[in-house]
C-alpha cells in the first residue's frame, strides 16, 4: 500500500501520492469512474482539483455523493478579489455537490500585482478566511508554477498562516542552483511551521515540441519509461515530508502508484543524470521564456 503521513497540521493522514484531478478535465464520465475505482483499490485518500480544470469537479460529483467522507478534498480558485474568490468556492461546492471542501487553495499566486490584490483588504485571502470561519472550507493553501514560486510562497507565508503550499519539484528543476536554494528554504520553513508540502511535475520530461497534438494528456511531455519514471517518483517520495501530486496523464497512474508503494530509497545522482541524458529530460521552467505554462 502507498504510505500515508500527516498533511501538515490539518490532522489528516494523507497518502503521499495525491490524485491530481486535472486528469478529469476532458475525460468522459465512464473513464473518470474507472479512474476513481483505481484510486479506491490503491487506497488514495486525497484528491486535488480546481475550478479551472475543465469538467474535473463535475466528474467527481457522482462519486463524492457516496464517498465524500473517504477523502481529503481540495480545490482551487484563480480569483484574487474577495467577491470573485467567494463565488468561485461556492460554485465549486455546487459543482461537486458537497457542503464543504477540506482545502481551498489560491491557484498559481505568483504575479506581484495579483499577490497585492489577493492580500489587500477585500481580497481573496480575507474572503477565504471568512469562508473557512463559516465552514465552507477547513483549510487554506497556496499553489504555483515556475521558478519564482518557492520565493513567492515564502512571501505569502510571511503574510498569512497558510496550511499548505504546492510547487514544482523534480531533479531537473532542483539542478538549477537558485531554484534549489529557494525550494530548500521553503521546505525548511514549512517543516518548522507544520505546513503541508505538496509537489507537482515529478514525472515531467520536457515541454512538447508542439502542443495540441492527439494523445497529449498533459501540457508537458511526461516520462513514460517505467524505470526512469519510478526513479523520478522516488526522487520526491524518498524525501520525508513531501507529497507527490500525480500527473494529469491518467494512463501513468498505475506506474506512479506502483513506484509509490515500493521501497522509497532515493535514486543516486548518477542514475538521475543517466535518465536525464537517455530521456532528454529538461526543466519545464527557466525563469525566462519558459516561465509560463
Protein backbone atom coordinates (compact mmCIF):
# COMPACT_ATOMS: atom_id res chain seq x y z
CA UNK A 1 0.00 0.00 0.00
CA UNK A 2 1.02 3.59 -0.52
CA UNK A 3 2.26 5.10 2.75
CA UNK A 4 0.49 7.95 4.50
CA UNK A 5 1.81 10.84 6.53
CA UNK A 6 0.41 13.87 8.33
CA UNK A 7 -0.80 16.52 5.90
CA UNK A 8 0.85 19.40 7.68
CA UNK A 9 -1.05 20.39 10.81
CA UNK A 10 -4.50 19.54 9.45
CA UNK A 11 -4.79 16.32 11.43
CA UNK A 12 -5.35 14.26 8.26
CA UNK A 13 -3.15 11.30 7.38
CA UNK A 14 -2.94 11.64 3.59
CA UNK A 15 -1.50 9.18 1.13
CA UNK A 16 1.86 10.50 -0.02
CA UNK A 17 0.57 10.41 -3.57
CA UNK A 18 -2.32 12.84 -4.05
CA UNK A 19 -4.57 12.36 -7.06
CA UNK A 20 -4.28 15.36 -9.34
CA UNK A 21 -7.80 15.61 -10.76
CA UNK A 22 -6.67 17.79 -13.65
CA UNK A 23 -6.72 14.38 -15.33
CA UNK A 24 -10.52 14.68 -15.39
CA UNK A 25 -10.59 17.99 -17.27
CA UNK A 26 -11.65 16.44 -20.59
CA UNK A 27 -12.36 12.85 -19.51
CA UNK A 28 -15.63 11.03 -20.13
CA UNK A 29 -17.81 10.14 -17.12
CA UNK A 30 -17.21 6.42 -17.75
CA UNK A 31 -13.44 6.76 -17.84
CA UNK A 32 -13.46 9.00 -14.77
CA UNK A 33 -15.47 6.39 -12.86
CA UNK A 34 -12.85 3.77 -13.74
CA UNK A 35 -10.05 6.03 -12.51
CA UNK A 36 -11.86 6.63 -9.23
CA UNK A 37 -12.20 2.88 -8.80
CA UNK A 38 -8.44 2.60 -9.31
CA UNK A 39 -7.89 5.21 -6.60
CA UNK A 40 -10.06 3.21 -4.23
CA UNK A 41 -8.17 -0.02 -4.88
CA UNK A 42 -4.85 1.75 -4.29
CA UNK A 43 -6.07 3.42 -1.11
CA UNK A 44 -5.66 7.00 -2.33
CA UNK A 45 -7.44 9.23 0.19
CA UNK A 46 -6.61 12.74 -1.03
CA UNK A 47 -7.94 14.41 -4.21
CA UNK A 48 -6.80 17.74 -5.59
CA UNK A 49 -8.91 19.54 -8.21
CA UNK A 50 -9.53 23.15 -9.28
CA UNK A 51 -12.31 25.33 -10.60
CA UNK A 52 -10.27 25.81 -13.78
CA UNK A 53 -9.77 22.09 -14.51
CA UNK A 54 -12.49 21.81 -17.14
CA UNK A 55 -15.05 19.17 -16.14
CA UNK A 56 -12.99 17.84 -13.23
CA UNK A 57 -15.28 18.94 -10.40
CA UNK A 58 -18.31 17.64 -12.30
CA UNK A 59 -16.66 14.25 -12.81
CA UNK A 60 -16.05 13.98 -9.08
CA UNK A 61 -19.63 14.80 -8.08
CA UNK A 62 -21.30 11.38 -8.63
CA UNK A 63 -18.54 9.59 -6.73
CA UNK A 64 -18.49 12.12 -3.90
CA UNK A 65 -22.21 11.59 -3.38
CA UNK A 66 -21.38 8.28 -1.67
CA UNK A 67 -17.66 8.57 -0.86
CA UNK A 68 -17.19 12.13 0.44
CA UNK A 69 -16.03 11.05 3.89
CA UNK A 70 -13.33 8.78 2.46
CA UNK A 71 -11.11 11.52 1.05
CA UNK A 72 -9.45 14.80 1.88
CA UNK A 73 -10.91 17.05 -0.83
CA UNK A 74 -9.03 20.06 -2.15
CA UNK A 75 -9.89 22.57 -4.85
CA UNK A 76 -8.51 25.91 -6.03
CA UNK A 77 -9.58 29.36 -7.17
CA UNK A 78 -7.68 31.60 -9.54
CA UNK A 79 -9.62 34.68 -8.48
CA UNK A 80 -7.86 37.40 -6.50
CA UNK A 81 -10.67 39.68 -5.31
CA UNK A 82 -12.77 38.67 -2.36
CA UNK A 83 -16.18 38.52 -4.05
CA UNK A 84 -14.85 36.55 -7.01
CA UNK A 85 -12.94 34.07 -4.84
CA UNK A 86 -16.01 33.53 -2.66
CA UNK A 87 -18.17 32.97 -5.76
CA UNK A 88 -15.60 30.53 -7.15
CA UNK A 89 -15.59 28.49 -3.94
CA UNK A 90 -19.39 28.41 -3.80
CA UNK A 91 -19.56 27.28 -7.43
CA UNK A 92 -17.04 24.52 -6.74
CA UNK A 93 -19.14 23.30 -3.83
CA UNK A 94 -22.20 23.30 -6.08
CA UNK A 95 -20.45 21.51 -8.94
CA UNK A 96 -19.13 18.78 -6.64
CA UNK A 97 -22.35 18.51 -4.65
CA UNK A 98 -20.64 18.99 -1.29
CA UNK A 99 -21.21 21.34 1.61
CA UNK A 100 -17.54 21.79 2.42
CA UNK A 101 -14.08 21.19 0.97
CA UNK A 102 -11.18 20.34 3.21
CA UNK A 103 -8.79 22.69 1.44
CA UNK A 104 -9.28 25.74 -0.79
CA UNK A 105 -6.11 26.99 -2.48
CA UNK A 106 -5.15 30.24 -4.17
CA UNK A 107 -4.15 28.94 -7.59
CA UNK A 108 -0.78 30.00 -9.06
CA UNK A 109 -0.29 33.09 -6.93
CA UNK A 110 2.96 34.34 -8.42
CA UNK A 111 2.48 37.69 -10.18
CA UNK A 112 3.18 40.71 -7.99
CA UNK A 113 0.03 42.65 -8.88
CA UNK A 114 -2.18 39.62 -8.26
CA UNK A 115 -0.42 38.99 -4.95
CA UNK A 116 -1.16 42.52 -3.75
CA UNK A 117 -4.82 42.22 -4.81
CA UNK A 118 -5.24 38.90 -3.03
CA UNK A 119 -3.79 40.18 0.25
CA UNK A 120 -5.41 43.62 0.19
CA UNK A 121 -8.50 44.38 2.30
CA UNK A 122 -11.44 42.84 0.48
CA UNK A 123 -9.12 40.45 -1.34
CA UNK A 124 -9.22 36.69 -1.81
CA UNK A 125 -7.27 35.85 1.35
CA UNK A 126 -9.69 37.76 3.56
CA UNK A 127 -12.70 36.23 1.80
CA UNK A 128 -11.43 32.67 2.04
CA UNK A 129 -10.60 33.12 5.71
CA UNK A 130 -14.21 34.23 6.25
CA UNK A 131 -15.45 31.22 4.26
CA UNK A 132 -13.35 28.98 6.50
CA UNK A 133 -14.88 30.54 9.58
CA UNK A 134 -18.33 29.85 8.10
CA UNK A 135 -17.50 26.20 7.50
CA UNK A 136 -17.33 26.21 3.69
CA UNK A 137 -13.73 25.04 3.87
CA UNK A 138 -11.49 23.78 6.63
CA UNK A 139 -8.04 24.92 5.48
CA UNK A 140 -6.44 27.39 3.06
CA UNK A 141 -3.42 26.82 0.84
CA UNK A 142 -1.45 28.47 -1.95
CA UNK A 143 -0.08 26.95 -5.18
CA UNK A 144 2.09 27.95 -8.09
CA UNK A 145 4.23 27.13 -11.11
CA UNK A 146 7.53 28.46 -12.39
CA UNK A 147 10.91 29.19 -10.91
CA UNK A 148 9.68 32.17 -8.88
CA UNK A 149 7.08 30.29 -6.88
CA UNK A 150 9.12 29.00 -3.89
CA UNK A 151 10.21 32.58 -3.18
CA UNK A 152 6.64 33.85 -3.62
CA UNK A 153 5.33 31.15 -1.28
CA UNK A 154 7.78 32.35 1.37
CA UNK A 155 6.42 35.85 0.88
CA UNK A 156 2.86 34.56 1.19
CA UNK A 157 3.64 32.58 4.34
CA UNK A 158 5.06 35.74 5.91
CA UNK A 159 1.66 37.41 5.47
CA UNK A 160 -0.82 34.62 6.25
CA UNK A 161 -0.66 31.22 8.02
CA UNK A 162 -1.45 29.04 5.01
CA UNK A 163 -1.98 25.36 5.75
CA UNK A 164 -0.31 24.05 2.59
CA UNK A 165 1.87 25.01 -0.35
CA UNK A 166 2.27 23.40 -3.77
CA UNK A 167 5.19 23.90 -6.17
CA UNK A 168 7.23 22.06 -8.85
CA UNK A 169 9.83 19.61 -7.57
CA UNK A 170 11.92 17.30 -9.73
CA UNK A 171 15.58 16.59 -10.37
CA UNK A 172 15.85 18.80 -13.45
CA UNK A 173 14.46 21.85 -11.66
CA UNK A 174 16.45 21.22 -8.49
CA UNK A 175 19.60 21.20 -10.62
CA UNK A 176 19.09 24.96 -11.05
CA UNK A 177 21.06 26.42 -8.10
CA UNK A 178 18.79 29.41 -7.46
CA UNK A 179 15.65 27.29 -7.61
CA UNK A 180 17.13 24.68 -5.28
CA UNK A 181 18.10 27.34 -2.75
CA UNK A 182 14.60 28.83 -2.72
CA UNK A 183 12.95 25.39 -2.59
CA UNK A 184 15.13 24.31 0.32
CA UNK A 185 14.32 27.48 2.24
CA UNK A 186 10.62 26.95 1.59
CA UNK A 187 10.76 23.31 2.70
CA UNK A 188 12.59 24.26 5.89
CA UNK A 189 10.07 26.99 6.68
CA UNK A 190 7.10 24.71 6.05
CA UNK A 191 8.61 21.91 8.11
CA UNK A 192 9.20 24.28 11.04
CA UNK A 193 5.65 25.65 10.87
CA UNK A 194 3.77 22.43 10.14
CA UNK A 195 2.70 23.50 6.66
CA UNK A 196 1.91 20.65 4.23
CA UNK A 197 4.35 20.45 1.30
CA UNK A 198 2.82 19.35 -2.00
CA UNK A 199 4.90 18.87 -5.13
CA UNK A 200 3.97 18.77 -8.80
CA UNK A 201 5.71 17.85 -12.07
CA UNK A 202 7.52 14.86 -10.54
CA UNK A 203 7.43 12.88 -13.78
CA UNK A 204 7.82 15.78 -16.22
CA UNK A 205 10.19 15.01 -19.08
CA UNK A 206 10.14 18.25 -21.05
CA UNK A 207 7.82 20.57 -22.92
CA UNK A 208 6.13 19.18 -26.01
CA UNK A 209 7.86 20.18 -29.22
CA UNK A 210 4.38 21.02 -30.50
CA UNK A 211 1.38 21.24 -28.19
CA UNK A 212 -2.17 20.27 -29.01
CA UNK A 213 -1.38 17.05 -30.83
CA UNK A 214 -3.50 13.86 -30.47
CA UNK A 215 -2.59 11.73 -27.47
CA UNK A 216 -1.26 14.60 -25.36
CA UNK A 217 -2.95 14.28 -21.95
CA UNK A 218 -0.80 16.80 -20.16
CA UNK A 219 0.54 20.21 -21.15
CA UNK A 220 4.06 18.79 -20.78
CA UNK A 221 5.57 15.55 -22.05
CA UNK A 222 5.81 13.07 -19.16
CA UNK A 223 8.39 10.38 -18.56
CA UNK A 224 6.95 7.10 -19.84
CA UNK A 225 9.90 4.76 -19.40
CA UNK A 226 8.88 2.67 -16.39
CA UNK A 227 12.26 2.56 -14.66
CA UNK A 228 13.02 6.25 -15.18
CA UNK A 229 9.51 7.13 -14.00
CA UNK A 230 9.96 5.06 -10.86
CA UNK A 231 13.21 6.85 -10.08
CA UNK A 232 11.52 10.22 -10.63
CA UNK A 233 8.81 9.24 -8.14
CA UNK A 234 11.37 8.02 -5.63
CA UNK A 235 13.32 11.27 -6.00
CA UNK A 236 10.32 13.05 -4.49
CA UNK A 237 8.96 10.48 -2.05
CA UNK A 238 12.42 9.42 -0.91
CA UNK A 239 12.46 12.71 0.94
CA UNK A 240 10.30 12.58 4.09
CA UNK A 241 7.62 15.22 4.41
CA UNK A 242 6.86 15.72 0.72
CA UNK A 243 3.65 14.80 -1.09
CA UNK A 244 3.52 13.98 -4.80
CA UNK A 245 0.55 15.22 -6.83
CA UNK A 246 0.03 12.91 -9.78
CA UNK A 247 0.31 13.86 -13.45
CA UNK A 248 -2.77 14.73 -15.50
CA UNK A 249 -1.91 11.82 -17.83
CA UNK A 250 -4.10 9.20 -16.14
CA UNK A 251 -2.55 6.39 -18.17
CA UNK A 252 0.54 6.74 -15.99
CA UNK A 253 -1.31 6.41 -12.69
CA UNK A 254 -0.69 2.66 -12.21
CA UNK A 255 3.05 3.12 -12.76
CA UNK A 256 3.18 6.08 -10.38
CA UNK A 257 1.24 4.18 -7.72
CA UNK A 258 3.45 1.11 -8.14
CA UNK A 259 6.55 3.22 -7.58
CA UNK A 260 5.00 5.00 -4.60
CA UNK A 261 4.07 1.69 -2.95
CA UNK A 262 7.53 0.17 -3.35
CA UNK A 263 10.76 0.86 -1.48
CA UNK A 264 11.32 4.62 -1.48
CA UNK A 265 15.10 4.67 -1.36
CA UNK A 266 16.20 7.80 -3.25
CA UNK A 267 17.95 7.23 -6.58
CA UNK A 268 21.57 8.30 -6.91
CA UNK A 269 22.67 11.43 -8.73
CA UNK A 270 24.38 9.20 -11.28
CA UNK A 271 21.13 7.34 -12.00
CA UNK A 272 19.20 10.57 -12.39
CA UNK A 273 21.85 12.08 -14.64
CA UNK A 274 21.76 8.95 -16.80
CA UNK A 275 17.98 9.31 -17.05
CA UNK A 276 18.34 12.96 -17.99
CA UNK A 277 20.60 12.07 -20.90
CA UNK A 278 18.72 8.97 -22.03
CA UNK A 279 15.25 10.51 -21.76
CA UNK A 280 16.11 14.03 -22.86
CA UNK A 281 14.76 15.49 -19.61
CA UNK A 282 14.90 19.28 -19.26
CA UNK A 283 13.34 21.82 -16.87
CA UNK A 284 9.83 22.98 -17.73
CA UNK A 285 10.69 26.44 -16.41
CA UNK A 286 13.83 28.52 -16.76
CA UNK A 287 12.99 31.93 -15.31
CA UNK A 288 12.83 33.47 -18.78
CA UNK A 289 10.97 32.46 -21.93
CA UNK A 290 9.77 29.19 -20.41
CA UNK A 291 8.48 30.73 -17.19
CA UNK A 292 4.78 30.46 -18.02
CA UNK A 293 2.72 27.38 -18.82
